C-alpha atoms as a PDB file:
ATOM      1  CA  MET A   1      -8.174 -18.663 -41.262  1.00  0.00           C
ATOM      2  CA  LYS A   2      -8.710 -16.522 -44.340  1.00  0.00           C
ATOM      3  CA  SER A   3      -6.996 -13.450 -42.918  1.00  0.00           C
ATOM      4  CA  HIS A   4      -3.930 -15.446 -41.852  1.00  0.00           C
ATOM      5  CA  LEU A   5      -3.831 -17.200 -45.228  1.00  0.00           C
ATOM      6  CA  TYR A   6      -4.039 -13.862 -47.040  1.00  0.00           C
ATOM      7  CA  ARG A   7      -1.220 -12.406 -44.922  1.00  0.00           C
ATOM      8  CA  THR A   8       0.888 -15.534 -45.362  1.00  0.00           C
ATOM      9  CA  ILE A   9       0.580 -15.745 -49.138  1.00  0.00           C
ATOM     10  CA  GLY A  10       0.939 -12.000 -49.624  1.00  0.00           C
ATOM     11  CA  SER A  11       1.664 -11.066 -53.246  1.00  0.00           C
ATOM     12  CA  GLN A  12       2.850 -14.543 -54.294  1.00  0.00           C
ATOM     13  CA  ILE A  13       1.103 -16.084 -57.284  1.00  0.00           C
ATOM     14  CA  LEU A  14       0.555 -19.798 -56.734  1.00  0.00           C
ATOM     15  CA  THR A  15      -0.360 -22.510 -59.194  1.00  0.00           C
ATOM     16  CA  TYR A  16      -3.401 -24.687 -58.582  1.00  0.00           C
ATOM     17  CA  GLU A  17      -1.255 -27.516 -57.183  1.00  0.00           C
ATOM     18  CA  GLU A  18       0.700 -25.189 -54.886  1.00  0.00           C
ATOM     19  CA  PHE A  19      -2.471 -23.563 -53.592  1.00  0.00           C
ATOM     20  CA  SER A  20      -4.060 -26.971 -53.062  1.00  0.00           C
ATOM     21  CA  THR A  21      -0.971 -28.138 -51.158  1.00  0.00           C
ATOM     22  CA  ILE A  22      -0.891 -25.123 -48.860  1.00  0.00           C
ATOM     23  CA  LEU A  23      -4.630 -25.413 -48.170  1.00  0.00           C
ATOM     24  CA  THR A  24      -4.239 -29.107 -47.298  1.00  0.00           C
ATOM     25  CA  GLN A  25      -1.389 -28.314 -44.925  1.00  0.00           C
ATOM     26  CA  ILE A  26      -3.423 -25.522 -43.319  1.00  0.00           C
ATOM     27  CA  GLU A  27      -6.364 -27.900 -42.967  1.00  0.00           C
ATOM     28  CA  ALA A  28      -4.089 -30.304 -41.080  1.00  0.00           C
ATOM     29  CA  VAL A  29      -2.945 -27.493 -38.774  1.00  0.00           C
ATOM     30  CA  LEU A  30      -6.525 -26.460 -38.003  1.00  0.00           C
ATOM     31  CA  ASN A  31      -7.636 -30.050 -37.417  1.00  0.00           C
ATOM     32  CA  SER A  32      -4.718 -30.839 -35.095  1.00  0.00           C
ATOM     33  CA  ARG A  33      -5.552 -28.218 -32.467  1.00  0.00           C
ATOM     34  CA  PRO A  34      -6.506 -29.584 -29.040  1.00  0.00           C
ATOM     35  CA  LEU A  35     -10.168 -29.057 -28.153  1.00  0.00           C
ATOM     36  CA  SER A  36     -10.752 -30.848 -24.871  1.00  0.00           C
ATOM     37  CA  VAL A  37      -9.573 -33.703 -22.706  1.00  0.00           C
ATOM     38  CA  ILE A  38     -10.505 -37.255 -23.693  1.00  0.00           C
ATOM     39  CA  SER A  39     -10.324 -38.902 -20.283  1.00  0.00           C
ATOM     40  CA  ALA A  40      -9.818 -38.004 -16.647  1.00  0.00           C
ATOM     41  CA  ASP A  41      -6.850 -40.369 -16.369  1.00  0.00           C
ATOM     42  CA  PRO A  42      -3.842 -38.373 -15.065  1.00  0.00           C
ATOM     43  CA  ASN A  43      -1.458 -40.437 -17.217  1.00  0.00           C
ATOM     44  CA  ASP A  44      -3.373 -39.743 -20.444  1.00  0.00           C
ATOM     45  CA  LEU A  45      -1.862 -36.772 -22.310  1.00  0.00           C
ATOM     46  CA  GLN A  46      -3.980 -37.129 -25.480  1.00  0.00           C
ATOM     47  CA  PRO A  47      -6.471 -34.323 -26.204  1.00  0.00           C
ATOM     48  CA  LEU A  48      -9.572 -34.507 -28.352  1.00  0.00           C
ATOM     49  CA  THR A  49      -8.914 -32.822 -31.716  1.00  0.00           C
ATOM     50  CA  PRO A  50     -11.046 -32.194 -34.818  1.00  0.00           C
ATOM     51  CA  GLY A  51      -8.846 -34.809 -36.499  1.00  0.00           C
ATOM     52  CA  HIS A  52     -10.396 -37.451 -34.211  1.00  0.00           C
ATOM     53  CA  PHE A  53     -13.783 -36.789 -35.829  1.00  0.00           C
ATOM     54  CA  LEU A  54     -12.310 -37.071 -39.325  1.00  0.00           C
ATOM     55  CA  THR A  55      -9.872 -39.983 -39.052  1.00  0.00           C
ATOM     56  CA  LEU A  56     -10.664 -41.420 -35.582  1.00  0.00           C
ATOM     57  CA  GLU A  57      -7.064 -40.733 -34.525  1.00  0.00           C
ATOM     58  CA  PRO A  58      -4.927 -37.639 -33.947  1.00  0.00           C
ATOM     59  CA  LEU A  59      -3.171 -36.000 -36.871  1.00  0.00           C
ATOM     60  CA  THR A  60       0.607 -36.180 -36.673  1.00  0.00           C
ATOM     61  CA  ILE A  61       3.366 -34.701 -38.751  1.00  0.00           C
ATOM     62  CA  GLY A  62       5.409 -37.015 -40.949  1.00  0.00           C
ATOM     63  CA  PHE A  63       8.873 -35.489 -41.206  1.00  0.00           C
ATOM     64  CA  PRO A  64      10.475 -32.482 -39.547  1.00  0.00           C
ATOM     65  CA  GLU A  65      10.926 -29.577 -41.935  1.00  0.00           C
ATOM     66  CA  PRO A  66      13.994 -27.295 -41.904  1.00  0.00           C
ATOM     67  CA  ASP A  67      13.573 -23.723 -40.663  1.00  0.00           C
ATOM     68  CA  LEU A  68      13.417 -21.491 -43.743  1.00  0.00           C
ATOM     69  CA  THR A  69      12.480 -18.219 -42.046  1.00  0.00           C
ATOM     70  CA  SER A  70      15.973 -16.718 -42.314  1.00  0.00           C
ATOM     71  CA  ILE A  71      16.226 -17.268 -46.095  1.00  0.00           C
ATOM     72  CA  PRO A  72      14.835 -14.482 -48.333  1.00  0.00           C
ATOM     73  CA  LEU A  73      11.720 -15.450 -50.312  1.00  0.00           C
ATOM     74  CA  ASN A  74      13.367 -14.875 -53.702  1.00  0.00           C
ATOM     75  CA  ARG A  75      16.008 -17.529 -52.924  1.00  0.00           C
ATOM     76  CA  LEU A  76      13.562 -20.326 -52.098  1.00  0.00           C
ATOM     77  CA  SER A  77      12.489 -23.038 -54.503  1.00  0.00           C
ATOM     78  CA  ARG A  78       8.746 -23.417 -55.040  1.00  0.00           C
ATOM     79  CA  TRP A  79       8.515 -26.328 -52.562  1.00  0.00           C
ATOM     80  CA  GLN A  80      10.514 -24.396 -49.970  1.00  0.00           C
ATOM     81  CA  LEU A  81       8.220 -21.408 -50.529  1.00  0.00           C
ATOM     82  CA  ILE A  82       5.167 -23.570 -49.767  1.00  0.00           C
ATOM     83  CA  GLN A  83       6.866 -24.926 -46.636  1.00  0.00           C
ATOM     84  CA  ARG A  84       7.755 -21.386 -45.558  1.00  0.00           C
ATOM     85  CA  MET A  85       4.126 -20.288 -46.033  1.00  0.00           C
ATOM     86  CA  HIS A  86       2.998 -23.291 -44.000  1.00  0.00           C
ATOM     87  CA  THR A  87       5.401 -22.403 -41.172  1.00  0.00           C
ATOM     88  CA  ASP A  88       4.407 -18.726 -41.269  1.00  0.00           C
ATOM     89  CA  PHE A  89       0.721 -19.655 -41.108  1.00  0.00           C
ATOM     90  CA  TRP A  90       1.405 -22.009 -38.182  1.00  0.00           C
ATOM     91  CA  LYS A  91       3.229 -19.313 -36.223  1.00  0.00           C
ATOM     92  CA  ARG A  92       0.516 -16.704 -36.751  1.00  0.00           C
ATOM     93  CA  TRP A  93      -2.439 -18.978 -36.154  1.00  0.00           C
ATOM     94  CA  SER A  94      -1.063 -20.943 -33.198  1.00  0.00           C
ATOM     95  CA  GLN A  95      -0.111 -17.725 -31.386  1.00  0.00           C
ATOM     96  CA  GLU A  96      -3.620 -16.366 -31.878  1.00  0.00           C
ATOM     97  CA  TYR A  97      -5.224 -19.653 -30.803  1.00  0.00           C
ATOM     98  CA  VAL A  98      -3.095 -19.866 -27.654  1.00  0.00           C
ATOM     99  CA  HIS A  99      -3.807 -16.207 -26.920  1.00  0.00           C
ATOM    100  CA  LEU A 100      -7.557 -16.835 -27.122  1.00  0.00           C
ATOM    101  CA  MET A 101      -7.218 -19.782 -24.740  1.00  0.00           C
ATOM    102  CA  GLN A 102      -5.125 -17.695 -22.306  1.00  0.00           C
ATOM    103  CA  GLU A 103      -7.550 -14.796 -22.223  1.00  0.00           C
ATOM    104  CA  ARG A 104      -7.417 -13.126 -18.838  1.00  0.00           C
ATOM    105  CA  HIS A 105     -10.016 -10.705 -17.521  1.00  0.00           C
ATOM    106  CA  LYS A 106      -9.462  -7.619 -15.461  1.00  0.00           C
ATOM    107  CA  TRP A 107      -9.524  -7.756 -11.705  1.00  0.00           C
ATOM    108  CA  THR A 108     -13.289  -7.080 -11.728  1.00  0.00           C
ATOM    109  CA  GLU A 109     -13.916 -10.733 -12.628  1.00  0.00           C
ATOM    110  CA  PRO A 110     -12.212 -13.621 -10.854  1.00  0.00           C
ATOM    111  CA  THR A 111      -9.969 -15.658 -13.130  1.00  0.00           C
ATOM    112  CA  PRO A 112     -10.445 -19.420 -13.113  1.00  0.00           C
ATOM    113  CA  GLU A 113      -7.716 -21.138 -11.144  1.00  0.00           C
ATOM    114  CA  ILE A 114      -5.549 -23.969 -12.423  1.00  0.00           C
ATOM    115  CA  LYS A 115      -6.507 -27.281 -10.823  1.00  0.00           C
ATOM    116  CA  LEU A 116      -4.517 -30.415 -10.132  1.00  0.00           C
ATOM    117  CA  ASN A 117      -4.603 -33.103 -12.864  1.00  0.00           C
ATOM    118  CA  SER A 118      -5.896 -30.654 -15.461  1.00  0.00           C
ATOM    119  CA  LEU A 119      -4.558 -31.053 -19.003  1.00  0.00           C
ATOM    120  CA  VAL A 120      -2.833 -27.892 -20.243  1.00  0.00           C
ATOM    121  CA  LEU A 121      -1.286 -26.692 -23.474  1.00  0.00           C
ATOM    122  CA  ILE A 122       2.305 -25.508 -23.001  1.00  0.00           C
ATOM    123  CA  LYS A 123       3.123 -22.335 -24.909  1.00  0.00           C
ATOM    124  CA  HIS A 124       6.319 -22.548 -26.978  1.00  0.00           C
ATOM    125  CA  GLU A 125       7.402 -20.062 -29.624  1.00  0.00           C
ATOM    126  CA  THR A 126       9.617 -22.569 -31.430  1.00  0.00           C
ATOM    127  CA  GLU A 127       7.217 -25.496 -31.912  1.00  0.00           C
ATOM    128  CA  SER A 128       6.927 -27.044 -35.346  1.00  0.00           C
ATOM    129  CA  PRO A 129       3.535 -27.312 -37.076  1.00  0.00           C
ATOM    130  CA  LEU A 130       1.120 -29.980 -35.815  1.00  0.00           C
ATOM    131  CA  SER A 131       3.008 -30.410 -32.544  1.00  0.00           C
ATOM    132  CA  TRP A 132       1.154 -29.168 -29.509  1.00  0.00           C
ATOM    133  CA  GLU A 133       3.041 -29.920 -26.298  1.00  0.00           C
ATOM    134  CA  LEU A 134       0.658 -30.936 -23.533  1.00  0.00           C
ATOM    135  CA  GLY A 135       1.129 -31.614 -19.853  1.00  0.00           C
ATOM    136  CA  ARG A 136      -0.778 -32.544 -16.703  1.00  0.00           C
ATOM    137  CA  VAL A 137      -0.577 -30.332 -13.643  1.00  0.00           C
ATOM    138  CA  ILE A 138       0.872 -32.433 -10.833  1.00  0.00           C
ATOM    139  CA  LYS A 139       1.744 -29.713  -8.317  1.00  0.00           C
ATOM    140  CA  LEU A 140       0.676 -26.125  -7.636  1.00  0.00           C
ATOM    141  CA  HIS A 141       3.084 -23.545  -6.215  1.00  0.00           C
ATOM    142  CA  PRO A 142       1.083 -20.737  -4.557  1.00  0.00           C
ATOM    143  CA  GLY A 143       2.771 -17.499  -3.559  1.00  0.00           C
ATOM    144  CA  LYS A 144       2.548 -15.656  -0.252  1.00  0.00           C
ATOM    145  CA  ASP A 145      -0.854 -14.313  -1.277  1.00  0.00           C
ATOM    146  CA  ASN A 146      -2.188 -17.851  -2.053  1.00  0.00           C
ATOM    147  CA  ILE A 147      -2.333 -17.156  -5.795  1.00  0.00           C
ATOM    148  CA  VAL A 148      -0.828 -19.862  -7.990  1.00  0.00           C
ATOM    149  CA  ARG A 149       1.708 -18.419 -10.395  1.00  0.00           C
ATOM    150  CA  VAL A 150       3.911 -21.493 -11.043  1.00  0.00           C
ATOM    151  CA  VAL A 151       2.942 -25.127 -11.628  1.00  0.00           C
ATOM    152  CA  THR A 152       4.797 -28.407 -12.044  1.00  0.00           C
ATOM    153  CA  LEU A 153       3.799 -30.321 -15.168  1.00  0.00           C
ATOM    154  CA  LYS A 154       4.167 -33.918 -16.245  1.00  0.00           C
ATOM    155  CA  THR A 155       4.804 -34.103 -19.993  1.00  0.00           C
ATOM    156  CA  ALA A 156       5.715 -36.879 -22.382  1.00  0.00           C
ATOM    157  CA  HIS A 157       9.362 -35.785 -22.041  1.00  0.00           C
ATOM    158  CA  GLY A 158       9.525 -35.527 -18.245  1.00  0.00           C
ATOM    159  CA  ILE A 159       8.603 -33.140 -15.455  1.00  0.00           C
ATOM    160  CA  LEU A 160       9.047 -29.375 -15.676  1.00  0.00           C
ATOM    161  CA  GLN A 161       7.964 -26.174 -13.963  1.00  0.00           C
ATOM    162  CA  ARG A 162       6.231 -23.438 -15.932  1.00  0.00           C
ATOM    163  CA  PRO A 163       4.664 -20.108 -14.996  1.00  0.00           C
ATOM    164  CA  VAL A 164       0.882 -19.955 -15.323  1.00  0.00           C
ATOM    165  CA  VAL A 165       1.160 -17.329 -18.083  1.00  0.00           C
ATOM    166  CA  LYS A 166       2.965 -19.887 -20.302  1.00  0.00           C
ATOM    167  CA  ILE A 167       0.249 -22.554 -20.092  1.00  0.00           C
ATOM    168  CA  CYS A 168      -3.359 -22.749 -21.283  1.00  0.00           C
ATOM    169  CA  PRO A 169      -5.880 -25.057 -19.622  1.00  0.00           C
ATOM    170  CA  LEU A 170      -7.938 -26.995 -22.135  1.00  0.00           C
ATOM    171  CA  PRO A 171     -11.715 -26.633 -21.937  1.00  0.00           C
ATOM    172  CA  GLY A 172     -13.464 -29.463 -20.125  1.00  0.00           C
ATOM    173  CA  ASN A 173     -11.027 -29.696 -17.201  1.00  0.00           C
END
């Protein structure tokens, strides 16, 4: 967290209130990450998060924030600068977190296969902070060599097909 925070803030000098705000937003990002499945029910798409241990319910975002990544830093107001730092931190940290969950080993070790009804995190580059899209695997599509490379997922928004490299199974499946 510290290295991403340092890279996100860069050479900006923040006041106490601004620094406190960005740390609170980063805390919400870290506590919203999915840890494991809560139940084995195929219709349940809620993961267990660190926020469950703190507030007994998942952390959700209040309002959607505009995308400020295309605006130069010197043209942003102080509040927009904090929101931009929050978005930059989210992009860096969520990519690293998803990458750690997707870790694949060389061919010397067998990779764990995706199973039916397992809860998976769907990798999106354009997700907003605190929104982790999850889905349940409802169908496997093996290739000619019997290796599953595409799955059909049931999400809160409908049914979609994704390649296995764009999903991450949650621990505990």
